[in-house]
Structure formats: C-alpha cells, structure tokens
C-alpha cells in the first residue's frame, strides 16, 4: 500500500501539471484570467484534498 507521503507527492504533481497545462492551453496571454484560473484550480484541489484525502 502506498504511504501518505507518496499520495501527497502524486497529488501535488497532478496539481502542478493541471495548472501549467491550463496556463499553456487557455491563458497564455491573459494575466488576470490566468491568475483567477490558477486560484480556482488550487481551491478545487484543496477542497478535494480535505474532503477525500484527510
């Protein structure tokens, strides 16, 4: 069984990959939309973490 550290590391790598992917695909030249999108993605990940992984 995977340890909690491994799960958290994989979770953070997924978060980073999704944020960077969204920046490159959708928000390349829009600073404020990029900022709002990144904040939204991080808030969703935090909510999911506290709901299912904690």
PDB file of N, CA and C in Angstrom:
ATOM      1  N   UNK A   1       0.837  -1.176   0.000  1.00  0.00           N
ATOM      2  CA  UNK A   1       0.000   0.000   0.000  1.00  0.00           C
ATOM      3  C   UNK A   1       0.884   1.242   0.000  1.00  0.00           C
ATOM      4  N   UNK A   2       0.452   2.256  -0.728  1.00  0.00           N
ATOM      5  CA  UNK A   2       1.221   3.489  -0.823  1.00  0.00           C
ATOM      6  C   UNK A   2       1.107   4.280   0.472  1.00  0.00           C
ATOM      7  N   UNK A   3       2.214   4.884   0.866  1.00  0.00           N
ATOM      8  CA  UNK A   3       2.206   5.712   2.060  1.00  0.00           C
ATOM      9  C   UNK A   3       1.563   7.055   1.784  1.00  0.00           C
ATOM     10  N   UNK A   4       1.265   7.763   2.845  1.00  0.00           N
ATOM     11  CA  UNK A   4       0.601   9.059   2.716  1.00  0.00           C
ATOM     12  C   UNK A   4       1.504  10.065   2.012  1.00  0.00           C
ATOM     13  N   UNK A   5       2.803   9.970   2.220  1.00  0.00           N
ATOM     14  CA  UNK A   5       3.722  10.894   1.545  1.00  0.00           C
ATOM     15  C   UNK A   5       3.693  10.690   0.042  1.00  0.00           C
ATOM     16  N   UNK A   6       3.635   9.453  -0.388  1.00  0.00           N
ATOM     17  CA  UNK A   6       3.585   9.160  -1.812  1.00  0.00           C
ATOM     18  C   UNK A   6       2.306   9.706  -2.431  1.00  0.00           C
ATOM     19  N   UNK A   7       1.207   9.554  -1.733  1.00  0.00           N
ATOM     20  CA  UNK A   7      -0.076  10.060  -2.229  1.00  0.00           C
ATOM     21  C   UNK A   7      -0.029  11.579  -2.344  1.00  0.00           C
ATOM     22  N   UNK A   8       0.526  12.254  -1.352  1.00  0.00           N
ATOM     23  CA  UNK A   8       0.602  13.710  -1.374  1.00  0.00           C
ATOM     24  C   UNK A   8       1.518  14.181  -2.496  1.00  0.00           C
ATOM     25  N   UNK A   9       2.640  13.508  -2.712  1.00  0.00           N
ATOM     26  CA  UNK A   9       3.559  13.884  -3.790  1.00  0.00           C
ATOM     27  C   UNK A   9       2.885  13.723  -5.148  1.00  0.00           C
ATOM     28  N   UNK A  10       2.197  12.614  -5.364  1.00  0.00           N
ATOM     29  CA  UNK A  10       1.488  12.401  -6.627  1.00  0.00           C
ATOM     30  C   UNK A  10       0.389  13.449  -6.792  1.00  0.00           C
ATOM     31  N   UNK A  11      -0.299  13.789  -5.729  1.00  0.00           N
ATOM     32  CA  UNK A  11      -1.361  14.791  -5.745  1.00  0.00           C
ATOM     33  C   UNK A  11      -0.795  16.159  -6.132  1.00  0.00           C
ATOM     34  N   UNK A  12       0.339  16.539  -5.559  1.00  0.00           N
ATOM     35  CA  UNK A  12       0.958  17.824  -5.887  1.00  0.00           C
ATOM     36  C   UNK A  12       1.466  17.857  -7.320  1.00  0.00           C
ATOM     37  N   UNK A  13       2.013  16.754  -7.803  1.00  0.00           N
ATOM     38  CA  UNK A  13       2.464  16.691  -9.191  1.00  0.00           C
ATOM     39  C   UNK A  13       1.282  16.847 -10.139  1.00  0.00           C
ATOM     40  N   UNK A  14       0.157  16.234  -9.809  1.00  0.00           N
ATOM     41  CA  UNK A  14      -1.047  16.384 -10.631  1.00  0.00           C
ATOM     42  C   UNK A  14      -1.526  17.834 -10.614  1.00  0.00           C
ATOM     43  N   UNK A  15      -1.500  18.475  -9.459  1.00  0.00           N
ATOM     44  CA  UNK A  15      -1.909  19.879  -9.345  1.00  0.00           C
ATOM     45  C   UNK A  15      -1.033  20.760 -10.226  1.00  0.00           C
ATOM     46  N   UNK A  16       0.263  20.582 -10.139  1.00  0.00           N
ATOM     47  CA  UNK A  16       1.192  21.388 -10.932  1.00  0.00           C
ATOM     48  C   UNK A  16       0.983  21.148 -12.424  1.00  0.00           C
ATOM     49  N   UNK A  17       0.798  19.889 -12.809  1.00  0.00           N
ATOM     50  CA  UNK A  17       0.593  19.568 -14.224  1.00  0.00           C
ATOM     51  C   UNK A  17      -0.682  20.207 -14.759  1.00  0.00           C
ATOM     52  N   UNK A  18      -1.742  20.202 -13.994  1.00  0.00           N
ATOM     53  CA  UNK A  18      -3.008  20.791 -14.443  1.00  0.00           C
ATOM     54  C   UNK A  18      -2.902  22.312 -14.519  1.00  0.00           C
ATOM     55  N   UNK A  19      -2.265  22.943 -13.551  1.00  0.00           N
ATOM     56  CA  UNK A  19      -2.111  24.402 -13.570  1.00  0.00           C
ATOM     57  C   UNK A  19      -1.264  24.826 -14.771  1.00  0.00           C
ATOM     58  N   UNK A  20      -0.149  24.167 -14.989  1.00  0.00           N
ATOM     59  CA  UNK A  20       0.717  24.517 -16.119  1.00  0.00           C
ATOM     60  C   UNK A  20       0.011  24.233 -17.439  1.00  0.00           C
ATOM     61  N   UNK A  21      -0.685  23.113 -17.528  1.00  0.00           N
ATOM     62  CA  UNK A  21      -1.414  22.790 -18.750  1.00  0.00           C
ATOM     63  C   UNK A  21      -2.491  23.810 -19.066  1.00  0.00           C
ATOM     64  N   UNK A  22      -3.234  24.234 -18.062  1.00  0.00           N
ATOM     65  CA  UNK A  22      -4.271  25.245 -18.276  1.00  0.00           C
ATOM     66  C   UNK A  22      -3.647  26.573 -18.687  1.00  0.00           C
ATOM     67  N   UNK A  23      -2.525  26.933 -18.080  1.00  0.00           N
ATOM     68  CA  UNK A  23      -1.839  28.174 -18.455  1.00  0.00           C
ATOM     69  C   UNK A  23      -1.421  28.143 -19.923  1.00  0.00           C
ATOM     70  N   UNK A  24      -0.829  27.064 -20.342  1.00  0.00           N
ATOM     71  CA  UNK A  24      -0.324  26.969 -21.711  1.00  0.00           C
ATOM     72  C   UNK A  24      -1.467  26.886 -22.716  1.00  0.00           C
ATOM     73  N   UNK A  25      -2.499  26.110 -22.414  1.00  0.00           N
ATOM     74  CA  UNK A  25      -3.570  25.899 -23.385  1.00  0.00           C
ATOM     75  C   UNK A  25      -4.568  27.047 -23.475  1.00  0.00           C
ATOM     76  N   UNK A  26      -4.898  27.673 -22.343  1.00  0.00           N
ATOM     77  CA  UNK A  26      -6.006  28.614 -22.340  1.00  0.00           C
ATOM     78  C   UNK A  26      -5.628  30.051 -22.003  1.00  0.00           C
ATOM     79  N   UNK A  27      -4.703  30.259 -21.090  1.00  0.00           N
ATOM     80  CA  UNK A  27      -4.493  31.585 -20.507  1.00  0.00           C
ATOM     81  C   UNK A  27      -3.130  32.185 -20.823  1.00  0.00           C
ATOM     82  N   UNK A  28      -2.554  31.846 -21.942  1.00  0.00           N
ATOM     83  CA  UNK A  28      -1.181  32.258 -22.229  1.00  0.00           C
ATOM     84  C   UNK A  28      -0.987  33.773 -22.174  1.00  0.00           C
ATOM     85  N   UNK A  29      -1.864  34.543 -22.771  1.00  0.00           N
ATOM     86  CA  UNK A  29      -1.656  35.989 -22.884  1.00  0.00           C
ATOM     87  C   UNK A  29      -2.646  36.806 -22.052  1.00  0.00           C
ATOM     88  N   UNK A  30      -3.249  36.184 -21.064  1.00  0.00           N
ATOM     89  CA  UNK A  30      -4.253  36.868 -20.247  1.00  0.00           C
ATOM     90  C   UNK A  30      -3.883  36.731 -18.776  1.00  0.00           C
ATOM     91  N   UNK A  31      -3.208  37.751 -18.243  1.00  0.00           N
ATOM     92  CA  UNK A  31      -2.681  37.660 -16.881  1.00  0.00           C
ATOM     93  C   UNK A  31      -3.768  37.456 -15.841  1.00  0.00           C
ATOM     94  N   UNK A  32      -4.807  38.281 -15.860  1.00  0.00           N
ATOM     95  CA  UNK A  32      -5.826  38.215 -14.810  1.00  0.00           C
ATOM     96  C   UNK A  32      -6.653  36.946 -14.906  1.00  0.00           C
ATOM     97  N   UNK A  33      -6.946  36.510 -16.117  1.00  0.00           N
ATOM     98  CA  UNK A  33      -7.663  35.237 -16.268  1.00  0.00           C
ATOM     99  C   UNK A  33      -6.791  34.072 -15.807  1.00  0.00           C
ATOM    100  N   UNK A  34      -5.499  34.150 -16.093  1.00  0.00           N
ATOM    101  CA  UNK A  34      -4.572  33.110 -15.635  1.00  0.00           C
ATOM    102  C   UNK A  34      -4.545  33.052 -14.115  1.00  0.00           C
ATOM    103  N   UNK A  35      -4.455  34.214 -13.485  1.00  0.00           N
ATOM    104  CA  UNK A  35      -4.428  34.269 -12.024  1.00  0.00           C
ATOM    105  C   UNK A  35      -5.715  33.708 -11.430  1.00  0.00           C
ATOM    106  N   UNK A  36      -6.845  34.131 -11.969  1.00  0.00           N
ATOM    107  CA  UNK A  36      -8.134  33.641 -11.462  1.00  0.00           C
ATOM    108  C   UNK A  36      -8.286  32.143 -11.703  1.00  0.00           C
ATOM    109  N   UNK A  37      -7.885  31.676 -12.869  1.00  0.00           N
ATOM    110  CA  UNK A  37      -7.962  30.242 -13.164  1.00  0.00           C
ATOM    111  C   UNK A  37      -7.082  29.418 -12.250  1.00  0.00           C
ATOM    112  N   UNK A  38      -5.869  29.889 -12.017  1.00  0.00           N
ATOM    113  CA  UNK A  38      -4.957  29.159 -11.131  1.00  0.00           C
ATOM    114  C   UNK A  38      -5.480  29.117  -9.696  1.00  0.00           C
ATOM    115  N   UNK A  39      -6.005  30.235  -9.224  1.00  0.00           N
ATOM    116  CA  UNK A  39      -6.580  30.261  -7.872  1.00  0.00           C
ATOM    117  C   UNK A  39      -7.756  29.302  -7.786  1.00  0.00           C
ATOM    118  N   UNK A  40      -8.598  29.302  -8.798  1.00  0.00           N
ATOM    119  CA  UNK A  40      -9.741  28.384  -8.814  1.00  0.00           C
ATOM    120  C   UNK A  40      -9.326  26.929  -8.815  1.00  0.00           C
ATOM    121  N   UNK A  41      -8.332  26.590  -9.618  1.00  0.00           N
ATOM    122  CA  UNK A  41      -7.850  25.206  -9.663  1.00  0.00           C
ATOM    123  C   UNK A  41      -7.279  24.788  -8.320  1.00  0.00           C
ATOM    124  N   UNK A  42      -6.492  25.658  -7.704  1.00  0.00           N
ATOM    125  CA  UNK A  42      -5.899  25.338  -6.402  1.00  0.00           C
ATOM    126  C   UNK A  42      -6.986  25.186  -5.342  1.00  0.00           C
ATOM    127  N   UNK A  43      -8.000  26.044  -5.369  1.00  0.00           N
ATOM    128  CA  UNK A  43      -9.090  25.921  -4.392  1.00  0.00           C
ATOM    129  C   UNK A  43      -9.860  24.616  -4.567  1.00  0.00           C
ATOM    130  N   UNK A  44     -10.071  24.202  -5.803  1.00  0.00           N
ATOM    131  CA  UNK A  44     -10.734  22.916  -6.053  1.00  0.00           C
ATOM    132  C   UNK A  44      -9.886  21.769  -5.527  1.00  0.00           C
ATOM    133  N   UNK A  45      -8.579  21.815  -5.762  1.00  0.00           N
ATOM    134  CA  UNK A  45      -7.702  20.765  -5.259  1.00  0.00           C
ATOM    135  C   UNK A  45      -7.687  20.742  -3.731  1.00  0.00           C
ATOM    136  N   UNK A  46      -7.688  21.905  -3.101  1.00  0.00           N
ATOM    137  CA  UNK A  46      -7.703  21.957  -1.636  1.00  0.00           C
ATOM    138  C   UNK A  46      -9.004  21.371  -1.092  1.00  0.00           C
ATOM    139  N   UNK A  47     -10.117  21.720  -1.709  1.00  0.00           N
ATOM    140  CA  UNK A  47     -11.408  21.183  -1.261  1.00  0.00           C
ATOM    141  C   UNK A  47     -11.448  19.659  -1.423  1.00  0.00           C
ATOM    142  N   UNK A  48     -10.963  19.168  -2.557  1.00  0.00           N
ATOM    143  CA  UNK A  48     -10.927  17.725  -2.786  1.00  0.00           C
ATOM    144  C   UNK A  48     -10.025  17.038  -1.761  1.00  0.00           C
ATOM    145  N   UNK A  49      -8.877  17.658  -1.465  1.00  0.00           N
ATOM    146  CA  UNK A  49      -7.939  17.078  -0.502  1.00  0.00           C
ATOM    147  C   UNK A  49      -8.600  16.942   0.872  1.00  0.00           C
ATOM    148  N   UNK A  50      -9.224  18.004   1.349  1.00  0.00           N
ATOM    149  CA  UNK A  50      -9.834  17.943   2.673  1.00  0.00           C
ATOM    150  C   UNK A  50     -11.058  17.051   2.711  1.00  0.00           C
ATOM    151  N   UNK A  51     -11.741  16.901   1.578  1.00  0.00           N
ATOM    152  CA  UNK A  51     -12.944  16.066   1.539  1.00  0.00           C
ATOM    153  C   UNK A  51     -12.595  14.585   1.496  1.00  0.00           C
ATOM    154  N   UNK A  52     -11.616  14.199   0.684  1.00  0.00           N
ATOM    155  CA  UNK A  52     -11.376  12.780   0.425  1.00  0.00           C
ATOM    156  C   UNK A  52     -10.055  12.235   0.965  1.00  0.00           C
ATOM    157  N   UNK A  53      -9.042  13.064   1.110  1.00  0.00           N
ATOM    158  CA  UNK A  53      -7.738  12.526   1.498  1.00  0.00           C
ATOM    159  C   UNK A  53      -7.390  12.769   2.958  1.00  0.00           C
ATOM    160  N   UNK A  54      -8.066  13.645   3.612  1.00  0.00           N
ATOM    161  CA  UNK A  54      -7.772  13.921   5.028  1.00  0.00           C
ATOM    162  C   UNK A  54      -8.574  13.040   5.915  1.00  0.00           C
TER     163      UNK A  54
END
